[in-house]
N, C-alpha and C. Protein backbone atom coordinates (compact mmCIF):
# COMPACT_ATOMS: atom_id res chain seq x y z
N MET A 1 143.29 130.61 146.00
CA MET A 1 143.83 130.49 145.49
C MET A 1 144.92 129.23 145.01
N SER A 2 145.00 129.29 143.68
CA SER A 2 145.28 128.14 143.34
C SER A 2 146.92 127.68 143.78
N GLY A 3 147.68 126.74 143.16
CA GLY A 3 148.27 125.94 142.61
C GLY A 3 149.29 126.86 141.95
N LEU A 4 148.37 126.89 141.01
CA LEU A 4 148.84 127.66 139.07
C LEU A 4 149.22 128.90 139.71
N GLU A 5 148.10 129.49 140.17
CA GLU A 5 148.69 131.69 140.85
C GLU A 5 149.85 130.82 141.24
N LEU A 6 149.61 130.66 142.37
CA LEU A 6 150.77 130.88 143.33
C LEU A 6 152.23 130.30 142.34
N PHE A 7 152.63 129.76 141.88
CA PHE A 7 153.50 129.28 140.91
C PHE A 7 153.74 130.32 139.98
N ALA A 8 152.87 130.67 139.25
CA ALA A 8 152.74 132.17 138.18
C ALA A 8 153.26 132.85 138.97
N ALA A 9 152.34 133.49 140.69
CA ALA A 9 153.48 134.71 141.27
C ALA A 9 154.78 134.62 141.49
N VAL A 10 155.39 133.14 142.19
CA VAL A 10 156.95 133.28 141.90
C VAL A 10 157.55 133.04 140.60
N LEU A 11 157.19 133.11 139.95
CA LEU A 11 157.88 133.70 138.47
C LEU A 11 157.92 134.63 137.95
N GLY A 12 156.60 135.33 139.01
CA GLY A 12 156.67 137.26 138.02
C GLY A 12 157.39 137.37 138.76
N VAL A 13 157.68 137.37 139.83
CA VAL A 13 158.20 138.44 140.79
C VAL A 13 159.82 137.74 140.47
N ILE A 14 160.22 137.22 140.20
CA ILE A 14 161.42 136.59 139.91
C ILE A 14 161.99 137.24 138.23
N ALA A 15 161.07 137.16 137.41
CA ALA A 15 161.18 138.07 136.00
C ALA A 15 161.45 139.40 135.98
N VAL A 16 160.21 139.83 136.90
CA VAL A 16 160.87 141.40 137.43
C VAL A 16 161.65 142.09 137.94
N TRP A 17 161.92 140.88 138.61
CA TRP A 17 163.29 141.40 139.33
C TRP A 17 164.87 141.10 138.43
N LEU A 18 165.13 140.49 137.55
CA LEU A 18 165.70 140.02 136.84
C LEU A 18 165.72 141.39 135.25
N THR A 19 164.10 141.84 135.52
CA THR A 19 164.25 142.64 134.70
C THR A 19 165.30 143.32 134.86
N VAL A 20 164.51 144.19 136.15
CA VAL A 20 165.64 145.74 137.54
C VAL A 20 166.42 145.63 137.18
N LYS A 21 166.99 144.55 136.63
CA LYS A 21 168.94 144.13 137.20
C LYS A 21 169.50 143.33 135.01
N GLN A 22 168.29 144.10 134.81
CA GLN A 22 168.65 144.10 133.20
C GLN A 22 169.90 142.77 132.83
N ASN A 23 169.08 141.48 132.91
CA ASN A 23 169.14 140.57 133.29
C ASN A 23 168.39 139.46 132.17
N PRO A 24 168.50 139.16 131.05
CA PRO A 24 167.97 138.91 129.86
C PRO A 24 167.08 137.88 130.12
N TRP A 25 167.43 136.79 131.35
CA TRP A 25 167.07 135.55 131.43
C TRP A 25 164.94 135.69 132.11
N CYS A 26 165.24 137.32 132.40
CA CYS A 26 163.29 137.79 132.86
C CYS A 26 162.63 137.19 131.40
N TRP A 27 162.68 137.43 130.74
CA TRP A 27 162.25 137.13 129.48
C TRP A 27 161.45 135.65 129.35
N PRO A 28 162.14 134.39 128.98
CA PRO A 28 161.93 133.47 129.10
C PRO A 28 161.38 132.98 130.71
N ILE A 29 161.23 133.28 131.59
CA ILE A 29 160.41 133.47 132.70
C ILE A 29 159.60 134.12 133.11
N GLY A 30 159.74 135.38 132.39
CA GLY A 30 158.49 135.70 132.43
C GLY A 30 157.61 135.27 131.03
N LEU A 31 158.17 134.43 130.44
CA LEU A 31 156.62 133.92 129.09
C LEU A 31 156.15 132.70 129.97
N VAL A 32 156.70 132.06 130.69
CA VAL A 32 156.34 130.78 131.42
C VAL A 32 155.12 131.16 132.28
N MET A 33 155.36 132.56 133.42
CA MET A 33 154.77 132.91 134.17
C MET A 33 153.63 133.55 133.22
N VAL A 34 153.50 134.21 132.22
CA VAL A 34 152.16 134.92 131.73
C VAL A 34 151.21 133.62 130.77
N LEU A 35 152.29 132.52 130.23
CA LEU A 35 151.32 131.92 129.37
C LEU A 35 150.04 131.37 131.08
N LEU A 36 150.90 130.84 132.30
CA LEU A 36 150.13 130.33 133.24
C LEU A 36 149.41 131.87 133.42
N TYR A 37 149.42 132.71 133.89
CA TYR A 37 148.34 133.76 134.07
C TYR A 37 146.96 133.97 132.70
N SER A 38 147.37 133.48 132.01
CA SER A 38 146.19 133.54 130.59
C SER A 38 145.30 132.42 130.93
N TRP A 39 145.86 131.24 131.80
CA TRP A 39 144.97 130.71 131.98
C TRP A 39 143.70 131.04 133.50
N VAL A 40 144.90 131.06 134.60
CA VAL A 40 144.31 131.57 135.34
C VAL A 40 143.07 133.64 135.93
N PHE A 41 143.87 133.99 134.44
CA PHE A 41 142.52 135.09 133.51
C PHE A 41 141.41 134.76 133.42
N TYR A 42 141.35 133.61 133.02
CA TYR A 42 140.44 132.88 131.60
C TYR A 42 139.08 132.77 133.19
N GLU A 43 140.01 131.97 133.89
CA GLU A 43 139.31 131.07 135.08
C GLU A 43 138.42 132.36 135.77
N VAL A 44 138.32 133.28 135.91
CA VAL A 44 137.69 134.42 136.81
C VAL A 44 137.58 135.63 135.65
N LYS A 45 137.01 135.39 134.77
CA LYS A 45 136.20 135.87 133.72
C LYS A 45 137.58 137.48 133.34
N LEU A 46 138.09 137.85 133.28
CA LEU A 46 138.95 138.84 133.18
C LEU A 46 139.46 138.69 131.27
N TYR A 47 138.91 138.95 130.58
CA TYR A 47 139.16 138.37 129.45
C TYR A 47 140.01 139.12 128.45
N SER A 48 139.92 140.44 128.50
CA SER A 48 141.22 141.18 128.71
C SER A 48 141.78 141.49 128.94
N ASP A 49 142.42 140.73 130.57
CA ASP A 49 143.36 139.78 130.95
C ASP A 49 144.39 138.59 129.90
N MET A 50 143.37 137.42 130.22
CA MET A 50 143.83 137.17 129.78
C MET A 50 143.96 137.25 128.25
N LEU A 51 143.81 137.77 127.46
CA LEU A 51 144.16 137.92 126.04
C LEU A 51 145.44 138.97 126.05
N LEU A 52 145.94 140.00 126.81
CA LEU A 52 147.29 140.38 127.58
C LEU A 52 148.46 139.75 127.79
N GLN A 53 147.88 138.46 128.40
CA GLN A 53 149.37 137.44 128.60
C GLN A 53 149.58 137.11 127.40
N LEU A 54 148.56 136.70 126.36
CA LEU A 54 148.93 135.99 125.21
C LEU A 54 149.84 136.60 124.42
N ILE A 55 149.52 138.23 124.11
CA ILE A 55 150.19 139.16 123.92
C ILE A 55 151.58 139.40 123.82
N TYR A 56 151.70 139.10 125.75
CA TYR A 56 152.75 139.23 126.46
C TYR A 56 153.63 137.74 125.97
N ALA A 57 152.93 137.07 126.31
CA ALA A 57 153.80 136.03 125.56
C ALA A 57 154.48 136.30 124.17
N VAL A 58 154.33 136.93 123.12
CA VAL A 58 154.85 137.34 121.95
C VAL A 58 156.72 138.50 122.10
N LEU A 59 155.29 139.39 123.48
CA LEU A 59 156.50 140.50 123.32
C LEU A 59 157.08 139.91 124.45
N GLN A 60 157.75 138.48 125.17
CA GLN A 60 158.73 138.29 126.13
C GLN A 60 159.50 137.53 124.91
N LEU A 61 159.17 137.36 124.02
CA LEU A 61 160.08 136.63 122.90
C LEU A 61 160.75 138.16 121.84
N TYR A 62 159.89 139.38 122.07
CA TYR A 62 161.10 140.41 121.17
C TYR A 62 161.40 141.06 122.32
N GLY A 63 161.32 141.24 123.57
CA GLY A 63 161.96 141.70 124.34
C GLY A 63 163.19 140.96 124.80
N TRP A 64 163.12 139.27 124.34
CA TRP A 64 164.47 138.87 124.68
C TRP A 64 165.04 138.43 123.18
N TRP A 65 164.99 139.31 122.67
CA TRP A 65 165.36 139.41 121.35
C TRP A 65 165.77 140.61 121.71
N GLN A 66 165.25 141.40 121.22
CA GLN A 66 165.37 143.04 121.77
C GLN A 66 167.04 143.63 122.76
N TRP A 67 166.95 142.32 123.42
CA TRP A 67 168.14 142.85 124.62
C TRP A 67 169.69 141.67 124.62
N THR A 68 169.16 140.81 123.87
CA THR A 68 170.26 139.29 123.33
C THR A 68 170.66 139.89 121.67
N ARG A 69 170.30 140.22 121.07
CA ARG A 69 170.36 139.82 119.63
C ARG A 69 171.99 140.80 118.95
N PRO A 70 172.02 140.00 118.44
CA PRO A 70 173.37 139.69 117.87
C PRO A 70 173.78 141.12 116.71
N GLY A 71 174.88 140.78 116.33
CA GLY A 71 175.08 141.75 115.11
C GLY A 71 175.51 143.95 115.22
N HIS A 72 175.23 143.78 116.49
CA HIS A 72 175.31 145.36 116.82
C HIS A 72 176.39 145.89 117.26
N THR A 73 177.20 147.12 117.17
CA THR A 73 178.13 147.79 118.05
C THR A 73 177.93 146.84 118.98
N ARG A 74 176.96 147.34 119.90
CA ARG A 74 176.89 146.65 121.47
C ARG A 74 176.70 145.63 121.27
N PRO A 75 176.69 144.95 122.75
CA PRO A 75 176.19 143.84 123.04
C PRO A 75 175.19 143.65 124.20
N VAL A 76 174.51 144.37 124.13
CA VAL A 76 173.16 144.87 124.41
C VAL A 76 172.52 145.66 124.12
N ARG A 77 171.32 145.56 124.37
CA ARG A 77 170.64 147.44 123.93
C ARG A 77 170.94 148.10 125.67
N GLN A 78 170.79 149.30 125.46
CA GLN A 78 170.75 149.95 126.72
C GLN A 78 169.49 150.77 126.94
N VAL A 79 169.27 151.63 127.83
CA VAL A 79 168.67 151.96 129.06
C VAL A 79 168.88 153.14 127.74
N THR A 80 167.78 154.01 127.67
CA THR A 80 167.17 155.21 126.62
C THR A 80 165.48 155.75 127.15
N ARG A 81 166.26 157.04 127.05
CA ARG A 81 164.61 158.30 127.30
C ARG A 81 164.27 158.34 126.12
N LEU A 82 162.47 158.52 126.15
CA LEU A 82 161.75 158.41 124.93
C LEU A 82 161.75 159.82 124.85
N GLU A 83 161.56 160.49 123.78
CA GLU A 83 161.05 162.14 123.93
C GLU A 83 159.69 162.18 124.20
N PRO A 84 159.60 163.23 124.73
CA PRO A 84 158.02 163.38 124.91
C PRO A 84 156.79 163.18 123.67
N ARG A 85 156.91 163.84 123.06
CA ARG A 85 156.11 163.27 121.49
C ARG A 85 156.19 161.82 121.13
N PRO A 86 156.97 161.04 121.32
CA PRO A 86 157.02 159.62 121.27
C PRO A 86 155.93 158.89 122.12
N VAL A 87 156.60 159.69 123.32
CA VAL A 87 155.70 159.37 124.76
C VAL A 87 153.77 159.90 124.47
N ALA A 88 154.07 161.04 123.68
CA ALA A 88 152.12 161.54 124.20
C ALA A 88 151.51 160.48 122.74
N PHE A 89 152.59 159.87 121.65
CA PHE A 89 152.48 159.15 120.35
C PHE A 89 151.46 158.00 120.87
N CYS A 90 152.55 157.17 121.77
CA CYS A 90 152.58 155.75 122.26
C CYS A 90 151.28 155.93 123.76
N LEU A 91 150.99 156.58 124.15
CA LEU A 91 149.74 156.86 125.34
C LEU A 91 148.07 157.49 124.22
N ALA A 92 148.15 157.88 123.26
CA ALA A 92 147.51 158.05 122.74
C ALA A 92 146.52 157.08 121.89
N VAL A 93 147.32 156.00 121.54
CA VAL A 93 147.39 154.85 120.98
C VAL A 93 146.74 153.80 122.22
N GLY A 94 147.38 153.71 123.29
CA GLY A 94 146.74 152.92 125.05
C GLY A 94 145.15 153.17 124.74
N ALA A 95 145.56 154.88 124.77
CA ALA A 95 144.26 155.13 124.57
C ALA A 95 142.35 154.74 123.85
N VAL A 96 143.49 155.11 123.05
CA VAL A 96 142.21 154.75 121.35
C VAL A 96 142.09 152.63 121.42
N ALA A 97 143.31 152.14 121.79
CA ALA A 97 142.94 150.89 122.24
C ALA A 97 142.00 150.54 123.66
N SER A 98 142.57 151.13 124.08
CA SER A 98 141.24 151.44 125.16
C SER A 98 139.53 151.27 125.48
N LEU A 99 140.00 151.86 124.56
CA LEU A 99 138.26 152.46 124.39
C LEU A 99 137.82 151.20 123.15
N ALA A 100 138.49 150.62 122.26
CA ALA A 100 138.64 149.72 121.18
C ALA A 100 137.78 148.74 121.77
N LEU A 101 139.09 147.89 123.20
CA LEU A 101 138.79 146.74 123.19
C LEU A 101 137.65 147.05 124.99
N GLY A 102 137.54 147.72 125.04
CA GLY A 102 136.68 148.00 126.41
C GLY A 102 134.98 147.93 125.77
N ALA A 103 134.96 148.75 124.00
CA ALA A 103 133.78 148.18 123.50
C ALA A 103 133.31 147.13 123.21
N ALA A 104 134.43 146.15 122.54
CA ALA A 104 134.15 144.86 122.40
C ALA A 104 134.28 144.13 123.72
N MET A 105 134.81 144.19 124.42
CA MET A 105 134.34 143.26 126.05
C MET A 105 133.08 143.78 126.47
N ALA A 106 132.68 144.62 126.45
CA ALA A 106 131.05 144.90 127.50
C ALA A 106 130.53 144.71 126.02
N THR A 107 130.37 144.76 125.03
CA THR A 107 129.57 144.06 123.80
C THR A 107 129.38 143.05 123.78
N TRP A 108 130.35 142.67 123.06
CA TRP A 108 129.87 140.89 123.05
C TRP A 108 130.75 139.88 124.17
N THR A 109 131.07 139.97 125.68
CA THR A 109 131.56 139.52 125.94
C THR A 109 131.00 139.01 127.34
N ASP A 110 131.02 138.23 128.47
CA ASP A 110 130.29 138.63 129.78
C ASP A 110 131.82 139.16 131.01
N ALA A 111 132.72 139.69 130.74
CA ALA A 111 133.62 139.69 131.11
C ALA A 111 133.34 141.44 132.57
N ALA A 112 134.42 140.83 133.69
CA ALA A 112 133.77 141.57 134.97
C ALA A 112 133.46 142.89 134.75
N GLN A 113 135.14 143.07 134.51
CA GLN A 113 135.26 144.42 134.67
C GLN A 113 135.70 144.70 132.88
N PRO A 114 134.50 144.83 131.95
CA PRO A 114 135.62 145.39 130.90
C PRO A 114 136.00 146.11 130.77
N TRP A 115 135.35 148.20 130.62
CA TRP A 115 136.18 148.98 131.07
C TRP A 115 137.94 149.17 131.23
N LEU A 116 137.11 148.81 132.80
CA LEU A 116 138.88 148.98 133.34
C LEU A 116 140.45 147.98 132.17
N ASP A 117 139.33 146.71 132.56
CA ASP A 117 140.59 145.39 132.50
C ASP A 117 141.04 146.16 130.78
N ALA A 118 140.30 146.62 130.18
CA ALA A 118 140.57 147.28 129.00
C ALA A 118 141.68 148.04 128.67
N ALA A 119 141.30 149.47 129.94
CA ALA A 119 142.24 150.07 129.78
C ALA A 119 143.74 149.50 130.15
N LEU A 120 143.72 148.97 131.14
CA LEU A 120 145.05 148.65 132.21
C LEU A 120 145.96 147.68 130.78
N THR A 121 144.85 146.92 129.96
CA THR A 121 145.46 145.64 129.31
C THR A 121 146.26 146.68 127.97
N ALA A 122 145.94 147.81 127.58
CA ALA A 122 145.81 148.48 125.90
C ALA A 122 147.06 149.57 126.69
N PHE A 123 147.02 149.73 128.45
CA PHE A 123 148.22 150.46 128.68
C PHE A 123 149.67 149.79 128.80
N SER A 124 148.72 148.31 129.18
CA SER A 124 150.17 147.65 129.94
C SER A 124 151.31 147.21 128.72
N LEU A 125 150.27 146.73 127.10
CA LEU A 125 151.28 146.80 126.06
C LEU A 125 152.00 147.91 125.93
N VAL A 126 151.81 149.16 125.34
CA VAL A 126 152.83 150.38 125.49
C VAL A 126 153.75 150.12 126.45
N ALA A 127 153.55 150.02 128.15
CA ALA A 127 155.03 149.84 129.16
C ALA A 127 155.59 148.60 128.95
N GLN A 128 155.00 147.49 127.76
CA GLN A 128 155.99 146.00 128.30
C GLN A 128 156.52 145.96 126.77
N VAL A 129 156.22 147.60 125.87
CA VAL A 129 156.61 147.70 124.52
C VAL A 129 158.22 148.25 124.38
N TRP A 130 157.89 149.14 125.74
CA TRP A 130 158.81 150.19 126.24
C TRP A 130 160.12 149.38 127.26
N MET A 131 159.41 148.66 127.34
CA MET A 131 160.10 148.31 128.91
C MET A 131 161.61 147.08 127.58
N ALA A 132 160.41 146.16 126.64
CA ALA A 132 161.69 145.28 125.59
C ALA A 132 162.64 146.31 124.81
N GLN A 133 162.02 148.02 124.85
CA GLN A 133 163.20 148.75 124.03
C GLN A 133 163.96 149.16 125.31
N LYS A 134 164.05 148.77 126.37
CA LYS A 134 164.64 149.56 127.56
C LYS A 134 164.27 151.46 127.47
N ARG A 135 163.12 151.58 127.80
CA ARG A 135 162.73 152.84 127.88
C ARG A 135 162.55 153.24 129.26
N VAL A 136 162.61 153.74 129.77
CA VAL A 136 163.40 154.55 132.04
C VAL A 136 161.70 154.47 131.32
N GLN A 137 160.72 154.88 130.62
CA GLN A 137 159.59 155.23 131.53
C GLN A 137 158.66 154.30 131.59
N CYS A 138 158.68 153.06 131.13
CA CYS A 138 158.42 151.70 131.34
C CYS A 138 157.86 151.95 132.63
N TRP A 139 158.90 152.75 133.56
CA TRP A 139 158.83 152.28 134.68
C TRP A 139 158.07 153.12 135.17
N THR A 140 157.35 153.85 135.48
CA THR A 140 156.72 155.07 135.86
C THR A 140 155.37 154.70 135.55
N LEU A 141 155.06 154.14 133.84
CA LEU A 141 153.55 153.65 133.51
C LEU A 141 153.18 152.08 134.77
N TRP A 142 154.28 151.44 134.80
CA TRP A 142 154.26 150.36 135.38
C TRP A 142 153.83 150.47 137.06
N ILE A 143 154.31 151.43 137.82
CA ILE A 143 153.67 152.00 138.48
C ILE A 143 152.20 152.28 139.17
N VAL A 144 152.10 153.17 137.88
CA VAL A 144 150.50 153.65 138.08
C VAL A 144 149.59 152.21 138.00
N LEU A 145 149.85 151.55 136.38
CA LEU A 145 148.94 150.28 136.20
C LEU A 145 149.01 149.24 137.71
N ASP A 146 149.95 149.14 138.29
CA ASP A 146 150.84 147.88 139.29
C ASP A 146 149.30 148.72 140.20
N VAL A 147 149.66 149.76 140.25
CA VAL A 147 148.43 150.43 141.29
C VAL A 147 147.64 149.80 141.50
N ILE A 148 146.62 149.99 140.17
CA ILE A 148 145.23 150.36 139.54
C ILE A 148 144.92 149.17 139.49
N PHE A 149 146.32 148.09 138.94
CA PHE A 149 145.61 146.17 139.27
C PHE A 149 145.35 145.63 140.60
N VAL A 150 146.10 146.44 141.30
CA VAL A 150 146.06 145.45 142.77
C VAL A 150 144.49 146.24 143.45
N GLY A 151 143.87 146.56 142.68
CA GLY A 151 142.41 147.14 143.58
C GLY A 151 141.45 146.12 142.79
N LEU A 152 141.82 146.06 141.57
CA LEU A 152 141.02 144.79 140.44
C LEU A 152 141.59 143.82 140.45
N PHE A 153 142.39 143.14 141.28
CA PHE A 153 142.90 142.36 142.13
C PHE A 153 141.99 141.32 143.40
N LEU A 154 142.50 142.89 144.17
CA LEU A 154 141.56 142.71 145.45
C LEU A 154 140.06 142.59 144.93
N TYR A 155 139.08 143.00 144.30
CA TYR A 155 137.64 143.07 143.64
C TYR A 155 137.86 141.76 143.44
N LYS A 156 138.53 141.13 142.31
CA LYS A 156 137.93 140.28 141.75
C LYS A 156 138.56 138.64 142.67
N GLY A 157 139.24 139.09 144.41
CA GLY A 157 139.26 137.64 145.33
C GLY A 157 140.62 137.03 144.50
N LEU A 158 141.83 137.80 143.80
CA LEU A 158 142.51 136.70 143.78
C LEU A 158 143.59 137.70 144.35
N TYR A 159 143.48 137.39 145.55
CA TYR A 159 144.38 138.06 147.00
C TYR A 159 146.16 138.14 146.45
N LEU A 160 146.63 136.49 146.41
CA LEU A 160 147.79 136.27 145.90
C LEU A 160 148.85 137.53 144.43
N THR A 161 147.42 137.31 143.62
CA THR A 161 147.65 138.18 142.57
C THR A 161 147.94 139.93 142.81
N ALA A 162 146.78 140.33 143.79
CA ALA A 162 146.76 141.52 144.61
C ALA A 162 148.41 141.76 145.07
N ALA A 163 148.69 141.22 146.27
CA ALA A 163 149.72 141.33 146.43
C ALA A 163 150.96 140.86 145.60
N LEU A 164 151.05 140.18 144.40
CA LEU A 164 152.34 140.65 143.41
C LEU A 164 152.57 141.31 142.93
N TYR A 165 150.78 141.87 142.45
CA TYR A 165 151.04 143.07 141.68
C TYR A 165 151.59 143.95 142.86
N ALA A 166 151.49 144.19 143.76
CA ALA A 166 151.61 145.00 144.62
C ALA A 166 153.20 145.35 145.04
N LEU A 167 153.87 144.03 145.08
CA LEU A 167 155.16 143.70 145.19
C LEU A 167 156.05 144.34 144.19
N PHE A 168 155.28 143.41 142.63
CA PHE A 168 155.30 144.76 141.51
C PHE A 168 155.70 145.96 141.72
N THR A 169 154.83 146.52 142.59
CA THR A 169 155.36 148.24 142.18
C THR A 169 156.23 148.59 143.14
N LEU A 170 156.58 147.91 143.51
CA LEU A 170 157.75 148.64 144.33
C LEU A 170 158.49 147.82 144.12
N ILE A 171 158.84 146.84 142.79
CA ILE A 171 159.74 146.43 142.11
C ILE A 171 160.17 146.97 141.48
N ALA A 172 159.53 147.97 140.72
CA ALA A 172 158.81 149.09 139.23
C ALA A 172 159.48 150.45 139.66
N VAL A 173 158.82 150.84 141.38
CA VAL A 173 160.20 152.02 141.53
C VAL A 173 161.18 151.32 141.73
N GLN A 174 161.92 150.35 142.31
CA GLN A 174 163.49 150.40 142.39
C GLN A 174 163.93 150.09 140.84
N GLY A 175 163.36 149.86 140.19
CA GLY A 175 163.62 150.11 138.67
C GLY A 175 163.80 151.11 137.71
N LEU A 176 163.10 152.46 138.22
CA LEU A 176 162.92 153.08 138.12
C LEU A 176 164.34 154.27 138.42
N ARG A 177 164.33 153.85 139.72
CA ARG A 177 166.22 154.40 140.80
C ARG A 177 166.78 153.89 139.60
N GLU A 178 167.00 152.28 139.99
CA GLU A 178 168.71 151.59 138.80
C GLU A 178 169.00 152.39 137.53
N TRP A 179 167.41 152.41 136.55
CA TRP A 179 167.54 152.70 135.18
C TRP A 179 167.90 153.94 134.96
N ARG A 180 167.71 154.64 136.06
CA ARG A 180 167.72 156.17 136.12
C ARG A 180 169.11 156.67 136.14
N ARG A 181 169.95 155.57 137.40
CA ARG A 181 171.61 155.77 137.24
C ARG A 181 172.53 154.98 136.25
N ASP A 182 171.71 154.35 135.16
CA ASP A 182 172.31 153.44 134.36
C ASP A 182 173.28 154.69 133.67
N PRO A 183 174.67 154.36 133.71
CA PRO A 183 175.53 155.07 133.06
C PRO A 183 175.49 155.49 131.31
N ALA A 184 174.08 154.40 130.81
CA ALA A 184 173.85 154.63 128.93
C ALA A 184 173.10 155.48 129.04
N LEU A 185 172.03 155.68 130.80
CA LEU A 185 171.21 157.10 129.93
C LEU A 185 171.54 158.12 130.01
N ALA A 186 171.68 158.48 128.90
CA ALA A 186 172.32 160.23 128.46
C ALA A 186 171.02 161.14 129.66
N PRO A 187 171.84 161.83 130.41
CA PRO A 187 170.78 163.24 130.83
C PRO A 187 170.07 163.90 130.55
N ALA A 188 168.65 164.48 130.57
CA ALA A 188 167.27 164.83 129.81
C ALA A 188 167.98 166.23 130.11
C-alpha cells in the first residue's frame, strides 16, 4: 500500500458517499481520485483499469455537467429508471466492449488479468454513464462489479483498494435504497 493509494481511497469513499446523497461535489472529488488511481493501476499492470480511470476522468466532467447544468426547467437532474430495452442494449454494448478490450489487452500487452480486467472496465463504463444520468439501475450494476473488483484487487495484493471496493459495495447498497426512495423516481 502506498500513500497515493491511501489518499485515492479516502477520496473515493468521499466521492461515492456524496453521490449517494446526490451532492454534485462528488464529481470534482471523484475526478482527483480517478486520476490518482490511474497511476496506481499502471504500477500493478492493470492496464484496462488504468484506462478506465482516465475515461472516468472525462465522465466525471460529464456527470458534473449533467447534475448541475443550467437552463432546464428543473434545477438539477432527477433520478430516473431505464426501461428494459435500453438496459439490455447497454449491457450488450458492455459485453462487446469487454471482448474487444480483452482481446486487445491479451494480444498486445502484458496485462495481469486481461479478460477480467477488460470486462470490469467495460461494464464499469456502463454503470458510470448510468450514474451520470442518475439512472437507479447504476447501483445494482455497481454492486455486482464492486464484488468482483474486490476479488481482483485481493489477487493483485491491493488490499486497501480491495477494502475500498468492499466499502463501495456497501455504499452502493445504500445508494440503491436511497435512490429507489427518491420522490422524483416514478414507481415501476
